[in-house]
N, C-alpha and C. Protein backbone atom coordinates (compact mmCIF):
# COMPACT_ATOMS: atom_id res chain seq x y z
N MET A 1 -5.90 0.09 -9.87
CA MET A 1 -5.84 0.13 -8.41
C MET A 1 -6.08 1.57 -7.98
N ARG A 2 -7.01 1.74 -7.05
CA ARG A 2 -7.32 3.07 -6.52
C ARG A 2 -7.25 3.01 -5.00
N ALA A 3 -6.78 4.11 -4.41
CA ALA A 3 -6.65 4.18 -2.96
C ALA A 3 -6.76 5.63 -2.51
N THR A 4 -6.93 5.81 -1.21
CA THR A 4 -6.95 7.13 -0.61
C THR A 4 -5.98 7.16 0.56
N VAL A 5 -5.64 8.35 1.01
CA VAL A 5 -4.75 8.50 2.15
C VAL A 5 -5.39 7.79 3.35
N GLY A 6 -4.59 7.00 4.05
CA GLY A 6 -5.06 6.24 5.19
C GLY A 6 -5.30 4.77 4.87
N ASP A 7 -5.52 4.44 3.60
CA ASP A 7 -5.64 3.04 3.21
C ASP A 7 -4.31 2.33 3.44
N ARG A 8 -4.35 1.02 3.44
CA ARG A 8 -3.13 0.24 3.63
C ARG A 8 -2.86 -0.60 2.39
N LEU A 9 -1.59 -0.67 2.01
CA LEU A 9 -1.16 -1.58 0.95
C LEU A 9 -0.65 -2.85 1.61
N VAL A 10 -1.06 -3.98 1.08
CA VAL A 10 -0.57 -5.27 1.56
C VAL A 10 0.20 -5.91 0.42
N MET A 11 1.52 -6.03 0.59
CA MET A 11 2.39 -6.65 -0.40
C MET A 11 2.59 -8.10 0.01
N HIS A 12 2.00 -9.01 -0.76
CA HIS A 12 2.04 -10.43 -0.43
C HIS A 12 3.41 -11.02 -0.77
N GLY A 13 3.90 -11.89 0.12
CA GLY A 13 5.17 -12.55 -0.12
C GLY A 13 5.09 -13.42 -1.37
N ARG A 14 6.16 -13.42 -2.16
CA ARG A 14 6.14 -14.16 -3.42
C ARG A 14 6.81 -15.52 -3.35
N THR A 15 7.49 -15.78 -2.25
CA THR A 15 8.15 -17.07 -2.10
C THR A 15 7.76 -17.68 -0.77
N VAL A 16 7.93 -18.99 -0.66
CA VAL A 16 7.59 -19.69 0.58
C VAL A 16 8.43 -19.12 1.72
N GLY A 17 7.76 -18.80 2.82
CA GLY A 17 8.45 -18.28 3.99
C GLY A 17 8.57 -16.77 4.03
N GLN A 18 8.27 -16.11 2.93
CA GLN A 18 8.33 -14.65 2.91
C GLN A 18 7.00 -14.09 3.40
N HIS A 19 7.04 -13.28 4.43
CA HIS A 19 5.83 -12.74 5.03
C HIS A 19 5.28 -11.57 4.23
N ASP A 20 3.97 -11.33 4.39
CA ASP A 20 3.35 -10.16 3.79
C ASP A 20 3.87 -8.91 4.50
N GLN A 21 3.94 -7.81 3.76
CA GLN A 21 4.32 -6.52 4.32
C GLN A 21 3.15 -5.58 4.17
N GLN A 22 2.98 -4.68 5.15
CA GLN A 22 1.92 -3.69 5.08
C GLN A 22 2.52 -2.31 5.21
N ALA A 23 1.87 -1.35 4.53
CA ALA A 23 2.31 0.04 4.61
C ALA A 23 1.08 0.94 4.50
N GLU A 24 1.10 2.04 5.24
CA GLU A 24 0.01 3.00 5.19
C GLU A 24 0.26 4.00 4.07
N ILE A 25 -0.77 4.28 3.29
CA ILE A 25 -0.64 5.29 2.23
C ILE A 25 -0.73 6.66 2.87
N ILE A 26 0.31 7.47 2.69
CA ILE A 26 0.32 8.80 3.28
C ILE A 26 0.17 9.90 2.22
N GLU A 27 0.31 9.53 0.94
CA GLU A 27 0.11 10.49 -0.14
C GLU A 27 -0.21 9.74 -1.43
N VAL A 28 -1.20 10.21 -2.16
CA VAL A 28 -1.55 9.64 -3.46
C VAL A 28 -1.09 10.62 -4.51
N LEU A 29 -0.21 10.19 -5.41
CA LEU A 29 0.40 11.09 -6.38
C LEU A 29 -0.19 10.97 -7.77
N GLY A 30 -0.95 9.93 -8.04
CA GLY A 30 -1.56 9.75 -9.36
C GLY A 30 -2.94 10.40 -9.41
N PRO A 31 -3.47 10.56 -10.61
CA PRO A 31 -4.81 11.14 -10.75
C PRO A 31 -5.90 10.18 -10.28
N ASP A 32 -6.91 10.70 -9.65
CA ASP A 32 -8.09 9.92 -9.24
C ASP A 32 -7.75 8.72 -8.35
N GLY A 33 -6.77 8.88 -7.46
CA GLY A 33 -6.46 7.81 -6.51
C GLY A 33 -5.59 6.69 -7.04
N THR A 34 -4.94 6.91 -8.18
CA THR A 34 -4.11 5.87 -8.77
C THR A 34 -2.64 6.05 -8.38
N PRO A 35 -1.81 4.99 -8.54
CA PRO A 35 -0.39 5.08 -8.20
C PRO A 35 0.32 6.13 -9.05
N PRO A 36 1.47 6.57 -8.57
CA PRO A 36 2.25 6.06 -7.44
C PRO A 36 1.72 6.58 -6.11
N PHE A 37 2.13 5.87 -5.04
CA PHE A 37 1.75 6.22 -3.67
C PHE A 37 3.00 6.42 -2.84
N ARG A 38 2.94 7.39 -1.92
CA ARG A 38 3.98 7.50 -0.90
C ARG A 38 3.44 6.73 0.30
N VAL A 39 4.23 5.79 0.82
CA VAL A 39 3.78 4.92 1.90
C VAL A 39 4.74 4.97 3.07
N ARG A 40 4.21 4.62 4.25
CA ARG A 40 5.02 4.51 5.47
C ARG A 40 4.86 3.11 6.03
N TYR A 41 5.98 2.40 6.15
CA TYR A 41 5.98 1.06 6.73
C TYR A 41 5.90 1.15 8.25
N GLU A 42 5.61 0.04 8.88
CA GLU A 42 5.44 0.00 10.33
C GLU A 42 6.69 0.43 11.09
N ASP A 43 7.88 0.28 10.47
CA ASP A 43 9.13 0.69 11.14
C ASP A 43 9.43 2.17 10.93
N GLY A 44 8.53 2.91 10.26
CA GLY A 44 8.71 4.34 10.05
C GLY A 44 9.34 4.72 8.72
N HIS A 45 9.85 3.73 7.99
CA HIS A 45 10.48 3.97 6.69
C HIS A 45 9.42 4.44 5.69
N GLU A 46 9.73 5.49 4.92
CA GLU A 46 8.82 5.98 3.89
C GLU A 46 9.44 5.81 2.52
N THR A 47 8.61 5.51 1.53
CA THR A 47 9.09 5.34 0.17
C THR A 47 7.97 5.60 -0.83
N LEU A 48 8.33 5.76 -2.07
CA LEU A 48 7.39 5.92 -3.17
C LEU A 48 7.24 4.57 -3.85
N ILE A 49 6.00 4.15 -4.11
CA ILE A 49 5.78 2.81 -4.66
C ILE A 49 4.70 2.84 -5.74
N SER A 50 4.95 2.07 -6.79
CA SER A 50 3.94 1.78 -7.81
C SER A 50 3.66 0.29 -7.68
N PRO A 51 2.57 -0.09 -7.01
CA PRO A 51 2.33 -1.49 -6.66
C PRO A 51 2.22 -2.41 -7.86
N GLY A 52 2.67 -3.63 -7.66
CA GLY A 52 2.58 -4.66 -8.69
C GLY A 52 1.38 -5.57 -8.45
N PRO A 53 1.31 -6.67 -9.21
CA PRO A 53 0.16 -7.57 -9.12
C PRO A 53 0.08 -8.35 -7.80
N ASP A 54 1.15 -8.35 -7.02
CA ASP A 54 1.16 -9.06 -5.74
C ASP A 54 0.74 -8.17 -4.58
N THR A 55 0.16 -6.99 -4.91
CA THR A 55 -0.22 -6.02 -3.89
C THR A 55 -1.73 -5.77 -3.93
N THR A 56 -2.34 -5.67 -2.75
CA THR A 56 -3.76 -5.34 -2.66
C THR A 56 -3.93 -4.12 -1.76
N VAL A 57 -5.07 -3.46 -1.91
CA VAL A 57 -5.39 -2.29 -1.09
C VAL A 57 -6.41 -2.71 -0.05
N ARG A 58 -6.15 -2.37 1.20
CA ARG A 58 -7.13 -2.57 2.26
C ARG A 58 -7.66 -1.17 2.61
N HIS A 59 -8.87 -0.90 2.16
CA HIS A 59 -9.47 0.43 2.33
C HIS A 59 -9.87 0.63 3.78
N ILE A 60 -9.67 1.84 4.30
CA ILE A 60 -10.01 2.12 5.71
C ILE A 60 -11.50 1.96 5.96
N ALA A 61 -12.33 2.21 4.95
CA ALA A 61 -13.78 2.05 5.10
C ALA A 61 -14.16 0.60 5.36
N GLU A 62 -13.36 -0.35 4.86
CA GLU A 62 -13.64 -1.78 5.05
C GLU A 62 -13.30 -2.25 6.45
N GLU A 63 -12.38 -1.54 7.13
CA GLU A 63 -11.93 -1.97 8.45
C GLU A 63 -12.86 -1.51 9.55
N GLY A 64 -13.70 -0.50 9.30
CA GLY A 64 -14.56 0.07 10.33
C GLY A 64 -15.69 -0.74 10.65
């Protein structure tokens, strides 16, 4: 998984009724765009994350 600052992580819900969560990548800490990532959720909460298989990257270039 590779990402750049400004991309969004989408963490898909793993159980019925659990909604997807999105977070903006504000810092890439791994080499060549790899995890871990520092992210900011929509409520302003920031955390360090190493995404699992239930997570996808939405690149900012794809949204334009």
